[in-house]
Amino acid sequence: MEKYNSFRSLALFASVLALTGMSCGVTDISSIFATATFTALTEHTVVQRSKLTRSIEECRRAGYAAVADELAYGVVAVAVPVFDESGRVVAALNSSSHSKKITEPELVRERLGLLREISGQISSELRRIPGLALSAQS
């Protein structure tokens, strides 16, 4: 992990799961950006704060995140948030593959619907039984 400076910086900008969580669950990203370390993991990793902010805004609008070759070459992934009873993001679900097998748009087209359906079911259960989300609360 030394290569990434910290887990937080890796998860902050290169993980589709973190991007989903941030885009749907964090309202003030400037405080996170103030302490984050940005290191490119591939030539496709977004390390510029302005571009990352735009990516987060787009994820917020779309309700999902998708990346290709940002965390590692060959990894393409799509993720959706899971919400607790108060509408707070407590988890994310993702599906990934190798970019030689499927493109990012194909992955989104083929798997986003199922991810959203499963996320909706989990979120529904978290609303029905609020105690299930306790472990995700800080």
N, C-alpha and C. Protein backbone atom coordinates (compact mmCIF):
# COMPACT_ATOMS: atom_id res chain seq x y z
N MET A 1 0.80 -1.20 0.00
CA MET A 1 0.00 0.00 0.00
C MET A 1 0.85 1.27 0.00
N GLU A 2 2.12 1.17 0.28
CA GLU A 2 2.97 2.33 0.30
C GLU A 2 2.89 3.10 -1.03
N LYS A 3 2.74 2.39 -2.12
CA LYS A 3 2.64 3.00 -3.44
C LYS A 3 1.49 4.00 -3.51
N TYR A 4 0.43 3.76 -2.76
CA TYR A 4 -0.77 4.59 -2.83
C TYR A 4 -0.78 5.69 -1.78
N ASN A 5 0.24 5.81 -0.95
CA ASN A 5 0.34 6.79 0.11
C ASN A 5 -0.61 6.52 1.27
N SER A 6 -1.83 6.20 0.98
CA SER A 6 -2.78 5.83 2.03
C SER A 6 -3.97 5.17 1.39
N PHE A 7 -4.66 4.33 2.15
CA PHE A 7 -5.87 3.71 1.63
C PHE A 7 -6.88 4.77 1.27
N ARG A 8 -6.97 5.81 2.09
CA ARG A 8 -7.95 6.86 1.85
C ARG A 8 -7.74 7.51 0.49
N SER A 9 -6.49 7.80 0.14
CA SER A 9 -6.27 8.45 -1.15
C SER A 9 -6.57 7.50 -2.29
N LEU A 10 -6.25 6.22 -2.15
CA LEU A 10 -6.57 5.25 -3.18
C LEU A 10 -8.08 5.16 -3.35
N ALA A 11 -8.78 4.95 -2.25
CA ALA A 11 -10.22 4.80 -2.32
C ALA A 11 -10.91 6.08 -2.76
N LEU A 12 -10.30 7.19 -2.43
CA LEU A 12 -10.92 8.46 -2.73
C LEU A 12 -11.17 8.66 -4.21
N PHE A 13 -10.16 8.39 -5.03
CA PHE A 13 -10.34 8.78 -6.42
C PHE A 13 -10.23 7.66 -7.43
N ALA A 14 -9.73 6.52 -7.04
CA ALA A 14 -9.53 5.48 -8.04
C ALA A 14 -10.53 4.34 -7.92
N SER A 15 -11.29 4.31 -6.88
CA SER A 15 -12.23 3.22 -6.67
C SER A 15 -13.63 3.63 -7.09
N VAL A 16 -14.21 2.84 -7.94
CA VAL A 16 -15.57 3.12 -8.38
C VAL A 16 -16.53 3.08 -7.19
N LEU A 17 -16.27 2.22 -6.21
CA LEU A 17 -17.13 2.16 -5.02
C LEU A 17 -17.03 3.45 -4.22
N ALA A 18 -15.82 3.94 -4.03
CA ALA A 18 -15.64 5.18 -3.29
C ALA A 18 -16.25 6.35 -4.05
N LEU A 19 -16.06 6.36 -5.36
CA LEU A 19 -16.62 7.43 -6.17
C LEU A 19 -18.13 7.45 -6.05
N THR A 20 -18.74 6.28 -6.05
CA THR A 20 -20.19 6.20 -5.88
C THR A 20 -20.58 6.71 -4.51
N GLY A 21 -19.90 6.26 -3.49
CA GLY A 21 -20.22 6.70 -2.13
C GLY A 21 -20.06 8.19 -1.96
N MET A 22 -18.98 8.74 -2.49
CA MET A 22 -18.76 10.17 -2.38
C MET A 22 -19.78 10.95 -3.17
N SER A 23 -20.09 10.49 -4.35
CA SER A 23 -20.98 11.27 -5.20
C SER A 23 -22.38 11.30 -4.65
N CYS A 24 -22.79 10.24 -3.98
CA CYS A 24 -24.16 10.19 -3.49
C CYS A 24 -24.27 10.49 -2.00
N GLY A 25 -23.17 10.42 -1.26
CA GLY A 25 -23.28 10.51 0.17
C GLY A 25 -22.53 11.65 0.83
N VAL A 26 -21.61 12.27 0.15
CA VAL A 26 -20.81 13.33 0.76
C VAL A 26 -21.21 14.65 0.13
N THR A 27 -21.64 15.57 0.97
CA THR A 27 -22.07 16.85 0.43
C THR A 27 -20.93 17.85 0.31
N ASP A 28 -19.93 17.77 1.20
CA ASP A 28 -18.82 18.70 1.16
C ASP A 28 -17.53 17.94 0.88
N ILE A 29 -17.17 17.84 -0.38
CA ILE A 29 -15.96 17.11 -0.73
C ILE A 29 -14.70 17.94 -0.53
N SER A 30 -14.84 19.25 -0.36
CA SER A 30 -13.66 20.10 -0.21
C SER A 30 -12.86 19.72 1.03
N SER A 31 -13.53 19.31 2.11
CA SER A 31 -12.80 18.91 3.31
C SER A 31 -12.02 17.63 3.08
N ILE A 32 -12.56 16.74 2.26
CA ILE A 32 -11.84 15.51 1.92
C ILE A 32 -10.67 15.84 1.02
N PHE A 33 -10.89 16.70 0.04
CA PHE A 33 -9.83 17.07 -0.89
C PHE A 33 -8.67 17.76 -0.17
N ALA A 34 -8.96 18.48 0.91
CA ALA A 34 -7.93 19.23 1.62
C ALA A 34 -6.85 18.32 2.18
N THR A 35 -7.19 17.07 2.52
CA THR A 35 -6.21 16.16 3.13
C THR A 35 -5.85 14.98 2.22
N ALA A 36 -6.40 14.92 1.04
CA ALA A 36 -6.18 13.77 0.16
C ALA A 36 -4.86 13.89 -0.60
N THR A 37 -4.28 12.74 -0.85
CA THR A 37 -3.10 12.64 -1.68
C THR A 37 -3.52 12.03 -3.02
N PHE A 38 -3.15 12.67 -4.11
CA PHE A 38 -3.55 12.19 -5.43
C PHE A 38 -2.33 11.66 -6.17
N THR A 39 -2.33 10.38 -6.42
CA THR A 39 -1.24 9.72 -7.15
C THR A 39 -1.86 8.91 -8.28
N ALA A 40 -1.41 9.15 -9.49
CA ALA A 40 -1.93 8.40 -10.63
C ALA A 40 -1.50 6.94 -10.54
N LEU A 41 -2.46 6.05 -10.64
CA LEU A 41 -2.18 4.61 -10.61
C LEU A 41 -2.03 4.08 -12.03
N THR A 42 -2.65 4.76 -12.99
CA THR A 42 -2.49 4.47 -14.41
C THR A 42 -2.55 5.80 -15.14
N GLU A 43 -2.33 5.79 -16.42
CA GLU A 43 -2.43 7.05 -17.17
C GLU A 43 -3.87 7.54 -17.26
N HIS A 44 -4.84 6.70 -16.88
CA HIS A 44 -6.26 7.08 -16.94
C HIS A 44 -6.81 7.54 -15.60
N THR A 45 -6.02 7.44 -14.54
CA THR A 45 -6.48 7.85 -13.22
C THR A 45 -6.69 9.36 -13.19
N VAL A 46 -7.84 9.79 -12.74
CA VAL A 46 -8.13 11.21 -12.61
C VAL A 46 -7.50 11.71 -11.31
N VAL A 47 -6.56 12.63 -11.43
CA VAL A 47 -5.90 13.17 -10.25
C VAL A 47 -6.13 14.68 -10.09
N GLN A 48 -6.68 15.31 -11.09
CA GLN A 48 -6.94 16.74 -11.00
C GLN A 48 -8.24 16.96 -10.22
N ARG A 49 -8.17 17.79 -9.20
CA ARG A 49 -9.35 18.03 -8.34
C ARG A 49 -10.56 18.50 -9.15
N SER A 50 -10.33 19.36 -10.13
CA SER A 50 -11.45 19.89 -10.91
C SER A 50 -12.12 18.78 -11.72
N LYS A 51 -11.33 17.89 -12.31
CA LYS A 51 -11.90 16.78 -13.08
C LYS A 51 -12.59 15.79 -12.16
N LEU A 52 -11.99 15.54 -11.00
CA LEU A 52 -12.61 14.63 -10.04
C LEU A 52 -13.93 15.21 -9.54
N THR A 53 -13.96 16.50 -9.29
CA THR A 53 -15.19 17.16 -8.86
C THR A 53 -16.27 16.99 -9.92
N ARG A 54 -15.91 17.16 -11.19
CA ARG A 54 -16.87 16.97 -12.27
C ARG A 54 -17.35 15.52 -12.33
N SER A 55 -16.44 14.57 -12.12
CA SER A 55 -16.83 13.15 -12.11
C SER A 55 -17.82 12.86 -10.99
N ILE A 56 -17.56 13.43 -9.83
CA ILE A 56 -18.44 13.23 -8.69
C ILE A 56 -19.81 13.84 -8.97
N GLU A 57 -19.82 15.02 -9.54
CA GLU A 57 -21.10 15.67 -9.88
C GLU A 57 -21.88 14.82 -10.88
N GLU A 58 -21.19 14.27 -11.87
CA GLU A 58 -21.86 13.43 -12.86
C GLU A 58 -22.41 12.16 -12.21
N CYS A 59 -21.65 11.56 -11.31
CA CYS A 59 -22.14 10.38 -10.59
C CYS A 59 -23.37 10.71 -9.76
N ARG A 60 -23.34 11.88 -9.16
CA ARG A 60 -24.48 12.33 -8.36
C ARG A 60 -25.74 12.43 -9.23
N ARG A 61 -25.57 13.01 -10.42
CA ARG A 61 -26.71 13.17 -11.34
C ARG A 61 -27.19 11.81 -11.87
N ALA A 62 -26.26 10.95 -12.24
CA ALA A 62 -26.61 9.68 -12.86
C ALA A 62 -27.03 8.61 -11.85
N GLY A 63 -26.53 8.71 -10.62
CA GLY A 63 -26.86 7.71 -9.61
C GLY A 63 -25.97 6.47 -9.68
N TYR A 64 -24.89 6.56 -10.42
CA TYR A 64 -23.93 5.45 -10.49
C TYR A 64 -22.57 6.00 -10.92
N ALA A 65 -21.55 5.17 -10.74
CA ALA A 65 -20.21 5.52 -11.21
C ALA A 65 -19.70 4.39 -12.09
N ALA A 66 -18.93 4.75 -13.09
CA ALA A 66 -18.30 3.75 -13.95
C ALA A 66 -16.90 4.24 -14.29
N VAL A 67 -15.95 3.32 -14.28
CA VAL A 67 -14.57 3.66 -14.61
C VAL A 67 -13.95 2.56 -15.46
N ALA A 68 -12.92 2.93 -16.17
CA ALA A 68 -12.14 1.97 -16.97
C ALA A 68 -10.67 2.32 -16.85
N ASP A 69 -9.88 1.35 -16.44
CA ASP A 69 -8.43 1.49 -16.37
C ASP A 69 -7.94 2.60 -15.45
N GLU A 70 -8.74 2.99 -14.45
CA GLU A 70 -8.30 4.04 -13.52
C GLU A 70 -7.59 3.46 -12.30
N LEU A 71 -8.08 2.39 -11.76
CA LEU A 71 -7.45 1.75 -10.59
C LEU A 71 -6.29 0.87 -11.03
N ALA A 72 -6.51 0.15 -12.11
CA ALA A 72 -5.48 -0.73 -12.68
C ALA A 72 -5.83 -0.95 -14.14
N TYR A 73 -4.81 -1.18 -14.95
CA TYR A 73 -5.07 -1.47 -16.35
C TYR A 73 -5.86 -2.77 -16.46
N GLY A 74 -6.87 -2.74 -17.30
CA GLY A 74 -7.69 -3.93 -17.52
C GLY A 74 -8.93 -4.00 -16.68
N VAL A 75 -9.08 -3.11 -15.69
CA VAL A 75 -10.25 -3.15 -14.82
C VAL A 75 -11.28 -2.13 -15.29
N VAL A 76 -12.48 -2.63 -15.56
CA VAL A 76 -13.62 -1.78 -15.88
C VAL A 76 -14.70 -2.12 -14.87
N ALA A 77 -15.35 -1.09 -14.30
CA ALA A 77 -16.31 -1.36 -13.24
C ALA A 77 -17.44 -0.34 -13.24
N VAL A 78 -18.56 -0.76 -12.69
CA VAL A 78 -19.72 0.11 -12.49
C VAL A 78 -20.22 -0.15 -11.08
N ALA A 79 -20.69 0.90 -10.40
CA ALA A 79 -21.15 0.76 -9.02
C ALA A 79 -22.35 1.65 -8.76
N VAL A 80 -23.17 1.23 -7.80
CA VAL A 80 -24.34 1.99 -7.37
C VAL A 80 -24.34 2.08 -5.86
N PRO A 81 -24.94 3.13 -5.30
CA PRO A 81 -24.99 3.26 -3.85
C PRO A 81 -26.11 2.43 -3.23
N VAL A 82 -25.94 2.14 -1.94
CA VAL A 82 -26.97 1.51 -1.12
C VAL A 82 -27.29 2.52 -0.02
N PHE A 83 -28.57 2.76 0.23
CA PHE A 83 -29.00 3.78 1.18
C PHE A 83 -29.62 3.17 2.42
N ASP A 84 -29.42 3.85 3.58
CA ASP A 84 -30.10 3.41 4.80
C ASP A 84 -31.46 4.10 4.90
N GLU A 85 -32.11 3.95 6.05
CA GLU A 85 -33.47 4.47 6.21
C GLU A 85 -33.54 5.99 6.14
N SER A 86 -32.41 6.67 6.39
CA SER A 86 -32.43 8.13 6.32
C SER A 86 -31.95 8.66 4.97
N GLY A 87 -31.69 7.74 4.03
CA GLY A 87 -31.24 8.14 2.71
C GLY A 87 -29.75 8.36 2.60
N ARG A 88 -29.02 7.99 3.65
CA ARG A 88 -27.56 8.14 3.67
C ARG A 88 -26.92 6.94 2.97
N VAL A 89 -25.89 7.18 2.20
CA VAL A 89 -25.16 6.09 1.56
C VAL A 89 -24.38 5.34 2.62
N VAL A 90 -24.63 4.02 2.72
CA VAL A 90 -23.93 3.20 3.71
C VAL A 90 -23.08 2.11 3.06
N ALA A 91 -23.26 1.91 1.78
CA ALA A 91 -22.49 0.90 1.06
C ALA A 91 -22.64 1.16 -0.43
N ALA A 92 -21.93 0.38 -1.20
CA ALA A 92 -22.06 0.43 -2.66
C ALA A 92 -21.89 -0.98 -3.20
N LEU A 93 -22.55 -1.24 -4.30
CA LEU A 93 -22.43 -2.52 -4.99
C LEU A 93 -21.75 -2.27 -6.32
N ASN A 94 -20.87 -3.19 -6.70
CA ASN A 94 -20.24 -3.00 -7.99
C ASN A 94 -20.15 -4.30 -8.76
N SER A 95 -19.91 -4.15 -10.03
CA SER A 95 -19.63 -5.27 -10.91
C SER A 95 -18.45 -4.84 -11.76
N SER A 96 -17.50 -5.75 -11.94
CA SER A 96 -16.33 -5.40 -12.72
C SER A 96 -15.96 -6.53 -13.66
N SER A 97 -15.10 -6.20 -14.59
CA SER A 97 -14.63 -7.18 -15.56
C SER A 97 -13.31 -6.68 -16.11
N HIS A 98 -12.79 -7.40 -17.08
CA HIS A 98 -11.57 -6.99 -17.75
C HIS A 98 -11.94 -6.18 -18.99
N SER A 99 -11.24 -5.09 -19.18
CA SER A 99 -11.58 -4.19 -20.28
C SER A 99 -11.33 -4.80 -21.66
N LYS A 100 -10.62 -5.90 -21.74
CA LYS A 100 -10.47 -6.58 -23.04
C LYS A 100 -11.71 -7.42 -23.36
N LYS A 101 -12.53 -7.71 -22.34
CA LYS A 101 -13.73 -8.50 -22.54
C LYS A 101 -14.98 -7.65 -22.76
N ILE A 102 -14.98 -6.46 -22.16
CA ILE A 102 -16.18 -5.62 -22.22
C ILE A 102 -15.76 -4.17 -22.05
N THR A 103 -16.42 -3.28 -22.77
CA THR A 103 -16.14 -1.86 -22.64
C THR A 103 -16.95 -1.28 -21.49
N GLU A 104 -16.56 -0.11 -21.05
CA GLU A 104 -17.31 0.56 -19.98
C GLU A 104 -18.78 0.77 -20.36
N PRO A 105 -19.08 1.30 -21.56
CA PRO A 105 -20.50 1.47 -21.92
C PRO A 105 -21.26 0.14 -21.98
N GLU A 106 -20.62 -0.92 -22.45
CA GLU A 106 -21.28 -2.23 -22.49
C GLU A 106 -21.55 -2.74 -21.08
N LEU A 107 -20.58 -2.57 -20.18
CA LEU A 107 -20.74 -3.00 -18.80
C LEU A 107 -21.91 -2.27 -18.15
N VAL A 108 -21.97 -0.97 -18.36
CA VAL A 108 -23.07 -0.17 -17.80
C VAL A 108 -24.39 -0.66 -18.38
N ARG A 109 -24.46 -0.82 -19.67
CA ARG A 109 -25.69 -1.26 -20.33
C ARG A 109 -26.13 -2.64 -19.84
N GLU A 110 -25.19 -3.56 -19.67
CA GLU A 110 -25.53 -4.93 -19.31
C GLU A 110 -25.78 -5.14 -17.82
N ARG A 111 -25.13 -4.35 -16.95
CA ARG A 111 -25.18 -4.68 -15.53
C ARG A 111 -25.79 -3.63 -14.63
N LEU A 112 -25.92 -2.39 -15.09
CA LEU A 112 -26.43 -1.33 -14.23
C LEU A 112 -27.84 -1.62 -13.73
N GLY A 113 -28.71 -2.10 -14.60
CA GLY A 113 -30.09 -2.37 -14.19
C GLY A 113 -30.17 -3.36 -13.04
N LEU A 114 -29.43 -4.44 -13.14
CA LEU A 114 -29.44 -5.45 -12.07
C LEU A 114 -28.84 -4.89 -10.79
N LEU A 115 -27.74 -4.14 -10.90
CA LEU A 115 -27.15 -3.53 -9.71
C LEU A 115 -28.14 -2.59 -9.03
N ARG A 116 -28.84 -1.79 -9.81
CA ARG A 116 -29.84 -0.88 -9.24
C ARG A 116 -30.98 -1.65 -8.57
N GLU A 117 -31.41 -2.72 -9.20
CA GLU A 117 -32.48 -3.54 -8.63
C GLU A 117 -32.05 -4.13 -7.28
N ILE A 118 -30.86 -4.70 -7.23
CA ILE A 118 -30.38 -5.31 -5.99
C ILE A 118 -30.14 -4.24 -4.93
N SER A 119 -29.57 -3.12 -5.32
CA SER A 119 -29.36 -2.01 -4.38
C SER A 119 -30.69 -1.54 -3.81
N GLY A 120 -31.70 -1.45 -4.66
CA GLY A 120 -33.04 -1.06 -4.20
C GLY A 120 -33.60 -2.04 -3.18
N GLN A 121 -33.39 -3.33 -3.42
CA GLN A 121 -33.86 -4.35 -2.48
C GLN A 121 -33.14 -4.24 -1.14
N ILE A 122 -31.84 -4.07 -1.18
CA ILE A 122 -31.07 -3.94 0.06
C ILE A 122 -31.48 -2.65 0.79
N SER A 123 -31.58 -1.55 0.05
CA SER A 123 -31.99 -0.28 0.66
C SER A 123 -33.37 -0.40 1.28
N SER A 124 -34.27 -1.11 0.63
CA SER A 124 -35.61 -1.34 1.16
C SER A 124 -35.55 -2.10 2.48
N GLU A 125 -34.71 -3.12 2.54
CA GLU A 125 -34.56 -3.88 3.79
C GLU A 125 -33.95 -3.02 4.89
N LEU A 126 -33.03 -2.14 4.53
CA LEU A 126 -32.43 -1.25 5.52
C LEU A 126 -33.45 -0.24 6.04
N ARG A 127 -34.41 0.15 5.22
CA ARG A 127 -35.49 1.03 5.68
C ARG A 127 -36.46 0.25 6.56
N ARG A 128 -36.71 -1.00 6.20
CA ARG A 128 -37.65 -1.84 6.94
C ARG A 128 -37.09 -2.24 8.30
N ILE A 129 -35.79 -2.51 8.36
CA ILE A 129 -35.14 -2.94 9.59
C ILE A 129 -33.93 -2.03 9.81
N PRO A 130 -34.13 -0.84 10.38
CA PRO A 130 -33.06 0.15 10.49
C PRO A 130 -31.80 -0.34 11.18
N GLY A 131 -31.91 -1.26 12.10
CA GLY A 131 -30.74 -1.75 12.81
C GLY A 131 -29.73 -2.44 11.93
N LEU A 132 -30.15 -2.88 10.76
CA LEU A 132 -29.22 -3.54 9.83
C LEU A 132 -28.09 -2.61 9.39
N ALA A 133 -28.35 -1.32 9.37
CA ALA A 133 -27.35 -0.37 8.88
C ALA A 133 -26.46 0.17 9.99
N LEU A 134 -26.66 -0.28 11.22
CA LEU A 134 -25.89 0.27 12.33
C LEU A 134 -24.38 0.12 12.15
N SER A 135 -23.94 -0.97 11.60
CA SER A 135 -22.51 -1.19 11.44
C SER A 135 -21.88 -0.21 10.45
N ALA A 136 -22.67 0.41 9.61
CA ALA A 136 -22.15 1.36 8.63
C ALA A 136 -22.13 2.78 9.18
N GLN A 137 -22.71 2.97 10.35
CA GLN A 137 -22.75 4.33 10.92
C GLN A 137 -21.48 4.61 11.68
N SER A 138 -21.03 5.85 11.59
CA SER A 138 -19.79 6.22 12.30
C SER A 138 -20.11 6.88 13.61
